[in-house]
């Protein structure tokens, strides 16, 4: 039988997900409005965070970083945050708002 970690509290995972987005330079609200992120994917980000065993390391990393920074390799959602950060940074440059 596979070892299953207890899930973290949904509220804690939600705020950790939002904090990771902030530190990586991602505006989740803009990503939703612009169609870069679906509600389903957003829910998946929070669910992955809930299942992660690295919440202590994550909180330590988040507290030590100055935005914007790439997501750490141990983050289960790093690929999504880093891609959204890349997309949103490119939009700022093309809009002349960067």
N, C-alpha and C. Protein backbone atom coordinates (compact mmCIF):
# COMPACT_ATOMS: atom_id res chain seq x y z
N UNK A 1 0.84 -1.18 0.00
CA UNK A 1 0.00 0.00 0.00
C UNK A 1 0.88 1.24 0.00
N UNK A 2 0.51 2.24 -0.81
CA UNK A 2 1.27 3.48 -0.95
C UNK A 2 1.10 4.35 0.29
N UNK A 3 2.19 5.01 0.70
CA UNK A 3 2.09 5.96 1.80
C UNK A 3 1.33 7.19 1.32
N UNK A 4 0.34 7.58 2.07
CA UNK A 4 -0.46 8.74 1.72
C UNK A 4 -0.31 9.77 2.84
N UNK A 5 0.10 10.95 2.45
CA UNK A 5 0.27 12.02 3.44
C UNK A 5 -1.09 12.62 3.76
N UNK A 6 -1.28 13.05 4.99
CA UNK A 6 -2.52 13.74 5.31
C UNK A 6 -2.57 15.06 4.55
N UNK A 7 -3.73 15.41 4.07
CA UNK A 7 -3.86 16.65 3.32
C UNK A 7 -3.80 17.84 4.27
N UNK A 8 -3.18 18.89 3.79
CA UNK A 8 -3.10 20.13 4.55
C UNK A 8 -4.48 20.80 4.54
N UNK A 9 -4.69 21.71 5.45
CA UNK A 9 -5.95 22.45 5.50
C UNK A 9 -6.14 23.21 4.19
N UNK A 10 -7.36 23.21 3.65
CA UNK A 10 -7.59 23.88 2.37
C UNK A 10 -7.26 25.37 2.42
N UNK A 11 -7.56 26.03 3.52
CA UNK A 11 -7.29 27.46 3.63
C UNK A 11 -5.79 27.73 3.56
N UNK A 12 -5.01 26.93 4.26
CA UNK A 12 -3.55 27.11 4.26
C UNK A 12 -2.99 26.88 2.87
N UNK A 13 -3.47 25.86 2.18
CA UNK A 13 -3.00 25.57 0.83
C UNK A 13 -3.40 26.68 -0.14
N UNK A 14 -4.60 27.21 0.03
CA UNK A 14 -5.06 28.31 -0.82
C UNK A 14 -4.14 29.51 -0.67
N UNK A 15 -3.83 29.90 0.56
CA UNK A 15 -2.99 31.08 0.79
C UNK A 15 -1.54 30.82 0.40
N UNK A 16 -1.06 29.59 0.58
CA UNK A 16 0.29 29.26 0.15
C UNK A 16 0.39 29.34 -1.38
N UNK A 17 -0.65 28.87 -2.06
CA UNK A 17 -0.69 28.94 -3.52
C UNK A 17 -0.67 30.39 -3.98
N UNK A 18 -1.47 31.22 -3.35
CA UNK A 18 -1.49 32.65 -3.71
C UNK A 18 -0.16 33.31 -3.40
N UNK A 19 0.46 32.94 -2.30
CA UNK A 19 1.77 33.51 -1.96
C UNK A 19 2.83 33.10 -2.96
N UNK A 20 2.79 31.84 -3.39
CA UNK A 20 3.76 31.38 -4.39
C UNK A 20 3.55 32.15 -5.69
N UNK A 21 2.31 32.38 -6.06
CA UNK A 21 2.03 33.16 -7.26
C UNK A 21 2.61 34.57 -7.12
N UNK A 22 2.38 35.20 -5.99
CA UNK A 22 2.88 36.56 -5.76
C UNK A 22 4.40 36.61 -5.87
N UNK A 23 5.08 35.68 -5.21
CA UNK A 23 6.54 35.69 -5.22
C UNK A 23 7.09 35.40 -6.61
N UNK A 24 6.38 34.60 -7.39
CA UNK A 24 6.85 34.30 -8.74
C UNK A 24 6.41 35.35 -9.75
N UNK A 25 5.72 36.39 -9.29
CA UNK A 25 5.31 37.48 -10.17
C UNK A 25 4.05 37.20 -10.96
N UNK A 26 3.25 36.26 -10.49
CA UNK A 26 2.03 35.87 -11.20
C UNK A 26 0.83 36.53 -10.56
N UNK A 27 -0.01 37.12 -11.39
CA UNK A 27 -1.28 37.69 -10.95
C UNK A 27 -2.35 36.66 -11.32
N UNK A 28 -2.81 35.89 -10.34
CA UNK A 28 -3.77 34.83 -10.60
C UNK A 28 -5.11 35.37 -11.11
N UNK A 29 -5.55 36.49 -10.58
CA UNK A 29 -6.80 37.09 -11.05
C UNK A 29 -6.71 37.46 -12.52
N UNK A 30 -5.62 38.07 -12.92
CA UNK A 30 -5.40 38.42 -14.32
C UNK A 30 -5.32 37.17 -15.18
N UNK A 31 -4.65 36.14 -14.67
CA UNK A 31 -4.54 34.88 -15.42
C UNK A 31 -5.91 34.28 -15.68
N UNK A 32 -6.80 34.36 -14.70
CA UNK A 32 -8.16 33.84 -14.87
C UNK A 32 -8.94 34.68 -15.89
N UNK A 33 -8.89 35.99 -15.73
CA UNK A 33 -9.63 36.89 -16.62
C UNK A 33 -9.14 36.78 -18.06
N UNK A 34 -7.82 36.67 -18.23
CA UNK A 34 -7.22 36.62 -19.57
C UNK A 34 -7.26 35.23 -20.20
N UNK A 35 -7.78 34.24 -19.48
CA UNK A 35 -7.87 32.89 -20.04
C UNK A 35 -6.55 32.13 -20.01
N UNK A 36 -5.58 32.61 -19.24
CA UNK A 36 -4.30 31.92 -19.11
C UNK A 36 -4.40 30.76 -18.11
N UNK A 37 -5.44 30.80 -17.30
CA UNK A 37 -5.65 29.83 -16.24
C UNK A 37 -7.15 29.58 -16.13
N UNK A 38 -7.55 28.33 -16.02
CA UNK A 38 -8.96 28.01 -15.81
C UNK A 38 -9.22 27.82 -14.32
N UNK A 39 -10.46 27.90 -13.95
CA UNK A 39 -10.85 27.66 -12.56
C UNK A 39 -10.44 26.24 -12.16
N UNK A 40 -10.57 25.30 -13.08
CA UNK A 40 -10.21 23.90 -12.79
C UNK A 40 -8.72 23.76 -12.51
N UNK A 41 -7.90 24.45 -13.31
CA UNK A 41 -6.45 24.37 -13.08
C UNK A 41 -6.10 25.06 -11.76
N UNK A 42 -6.75 26.18 -11.47
CA UNK A 42 -6.52 26.87 -10.21
C UNK A 42 -6.83 25.92 -9.04
N UNK A 43 -7.96 25.23 -9.11
CA UNK A 43 -8.32 24.27 -8.07
C UNK A 43 -7.28 23.15 -7.97
N UNK A 44 -6.74 22.73 -9.11
CA UNK A 44 -5.70 21.70 -9.11
C UNK A 44 -4.44 22.21 -8.43
N UNK A 45 -4.09 23.47 -8.64
CA UNK A 45 -2.91 24.05 -7.97
C UNK A 45 -3.06 23.96 -6.45
N UNK A 46 -4.24 24.34 -5.97
CA UNK A 46 -4.49 24.30 -4.52
C UNK A 46 -4.49 22.85 -4.02
N UNK A 47 -5.10 21.95 -4.79
CA UNK A 47 -5.14 20.54 -4.38
C UNK A 47 -3.74 19.95 -4.32
N UNK A 48 -2.89 20.26 -5.30
CA UNK A 48 -1.50 19.77 -5.26
C UNK A 48 -0.77 20.31 -4.04
N UNK A 49 -1.01 21.58 -3.74
CA UNK A 49 -0.38 22.19 -2.57
C UNK A 49 -0.85 21.50 -1.29
N UNK A 50 -2.13 21.18 -1.23
CA UNK A 50 -2.67 20.48 -0.05
C UNK A 50 -2.00 19.14 0.18
N UNK A 51 -1.61 18.48 -0.89
CA UNK A 51 -1.04 17.14 -0.80
C UNK A 51 0.48 17.16 -0.61
N UNK A 52 1.08 18.32 -0.71
CA UNK A 52 2.54 18.44 -0.65
C UNK A 52 3.06 18.24 0.77
N UNK A 53 4.16 17.54 0.87
CA UNK A 53 4.80 17.33 2.18
C UNK A 53 5.80 18.44 2.52
N UNK A 54 6.02 19.36 1.57
CA UNK A 54 7.04 20.39 1.77
C UNK A 54 6.51 21.72 2.23
N UNK A 55 5.39 21.74 2.93
CA UNK A 55 4.81 23.03 3.30
C UNK A 55 5.71 23.85 4.21
N UNK A 56 6.46 23.23 5.09
CA UNK A 56 7.37 23.99 5.95
C UNK A 56 8.49 24.61 5.13
N UNK A 57 9.08 23.83 4.23
CA UNK A 57 10.12 24.36 3.34
C UNK A 57 9.56 25.47 2.46
N UNK A 58 8.34 25.28 2.00
CA UNK A 58 7.69 26.28 1.15
C UNK A 58 7.51 27.59 1.91
N UNK A 59 6.99 27.52 3.10
CA UNK A 59 6.77 28.73 3.88
C UNK A 59 8.08 29.44 4.21
N UNK A 60 9.12 28.67 4.49
CA UNK A 60 10.44 29.25 4.74
C UNK A 60 10.94 29.95 3.48
N UNK A 61 10.82 29.28 2.33
CA UNK A 61 11.27 29.85 1.06
C UNK A 61 10.49 31.12 0.75
N UNK A 62 9.16 31.06 0.90
CA UNK A 62 8.33 32.23 0.61
C UNK A 62 8.71 33.42 1.48
N UNK A 63 9.02 33.16 2.74
CA UNK A 63 9.37 34.24 3.66
C UNK A 63 10.72 34.87 3.38
N UNK A 64 11.58 34.14 2.68
CA UNK A 64 12.93 34.63 2.43
C UNK A 64 13.11 35.27 1.06
N UNK A 65 12.13 35.16 0.19
CA UNK A 65 12.29 35.61 -1.18
C UNK A 65 11.70 36.99 -1.42
N UNK A 66 12.36 37.72 -2.29
CA UNK A 66 11.86 39.01 -2.76
C UNK A 66 11.36 38.81 -4.18
N UNK A 67 10.11 39.16 -4.45
CA UNK A 67 9.56 38.95 -5.79
C UNK A 67 10.27 39.82 -6.84
N UNK A 68 10.21 39.45 -8.07
CA UNK A 68 9.78 38.14 -8.56
C UNK A 68 10.94 37.15 -8.60
N UNK A 69 10.65 35.92 -8.30
CA UNK A 69 11.61 34.82 -8.33
C UNK A 69 10.96 33.62 -8.98
N UNK A 70 11.74 32.77 -9.67
CA UNK A 70 11.17 31.52 -10.19
C UNK A 70 10.75 30.64 -9.01
N UNK A 71 9.75 29.83 -9.23
CA UNK A 71 9.31 28.89 -8.20
C UNK A 71 10.44 27.90 -7.90
N UNK A 72 10.53 27.46 -6.66
CA UNK A 72 11.58 26.51 -6.31
C UNK A 72 11.31 25.13 -6.91
N UNK A 73 12.36 24.36 -7.15
CA UNK A 73 12.18 23.04 -7.76
C UNK A 73 11.30 22.10 -6.94
N UNK A 74 11.24 22.28 -5.63
CA UNK A 74 10.43 21.37 -4.81
C UNK A 74 8.94 21.66 -4.89
N UNK A 75 8.55 22.78 -5.50
CA UNK A 75 7.13 23.13 -5.60
C UNK A 75 6.45 22.25 -6.64
N UNK A 76 5.37 21.62 -6.26
CA UNK A 76 4.62 20.74 -7.16
C UNK A 76 3.94 21.51 -8.28
N UNK A 77 3.85 22.82 -8.14
CA UNK A 77 3.21 23.67 -9.15
C UNK A 77 4.20 24.58 -9.86
N UNK A 78 5.49 24.35 -9.67
CA UNK A 78 6.51 25.24 -10.23
C UNK A 78 6.34 25.44 -11.72
N UNK A 79 6.06 24.39 -12.45
CA UNK A 79 5.94 24.50 -13.91
C UNK A 79 4.83 25.46 -14.31
N UNK A 80 3.73 25.48 -13.57
CA UNK A 80 2.61 26.37 -13.89
C UNK A 80 2.97 27.81 -13.53
N UNK A 81 3.49 28.02 -12.33
CA UNK A 81 3.85 29.37 -11.92
C UNK A 81 4.92 29.97 -12.82
N UNK A 82 5.93 29.19 -13.16
CA UNK A 82 7.01 29.70 -14.00
C UNK A 82 6.51 30.03 -15.41
N UNK A 83 5.61 29.23 -15.93
CA UNK A 83 5.05 29.50 -17.27
C UNK A 83 4.17 30.75 -17.24
N UNK A 84 3.30 30.86 -16.23
CA UNK A 84 2.44 32.05 -16.13
C UNK A 84 3.28 33.31 -15.92
N UNK A 85 4.33 33.20 -15.15
CA UNK A 85 5.22 34.34 -14.94
C UNK A 85 5.86 34.77 -16.25
N UNK A 86 6.30 33.81 -17.03
CA UNK A 86 6.91 34.10 -18.33
C UNK A 86 5.90 34.79 -19.25
N UNK A 87 4.68 34.28 -19.30
CA UNK A 87 3.63 34.85 -20.15
C UNK A 87 3.29 36.27 -19.71
N UNK A 88 3.08 36.45 -18.41
CA UNK A 88 2.67 37.77 -17.93
C UNK A 88 3.80 38.78 -18.04
N UNK A 89 5.04 38.37 -17.87
CA UNK A 89 6.17 39.29 -18.04
C UNK A 89 6.27 39.73 -19.49
N UNK A 90 6.08 38.81 -20.41
CA UNK A 90 6.14 39.12 -21.83
C UNK A 90 5.02 40.11 -22.20
N UNK A 91 3.83 39.93 -21.62
CA UNK A 91 2.72 40.85 -21.89
C UNK A 91 3.03 42.25 -21.40
N UNK A 92 3.65 42.37 -20.25
CA UNK A 92 4.01 43.69 -19.71
C UNK A 92 4.97 44.40 -20.64
N UNK A 93 5.92 43.67 -21.18
CA UNK A 93 6.89 44.26 -22.09
C UNK A 93 6.20 44.71 -23.37
N UNK A 94 5.31 43.89 -23.94
CA UNK A 94 4.65 44.24 -25.19
C UNK A 94 3.62 45.35 -25.00
N UNK A 95 3.06 45.48 -23.80
CA UNK A 95 2.10 46.55 -23.52
C UNK A 95 2.80 47.87 -23.19
N UNK A 96 4.10 47.82 -23.00
CA UNK A 96 4.85 49.02 -22.62
C UNK A 96 4.68 49.39 -21.16
N UNK A 97 4.13 48.46 -20.36
CA UNK A 97 3.91 48.76 -18.94
C UNK A 97 5.04 48.23 -18.07
N UNK A 98 6.00 47.63 -18.66
CA UNK A 98 7.10 47.03 -17.89
C UNK A 98 8.18 48.03 -17.62
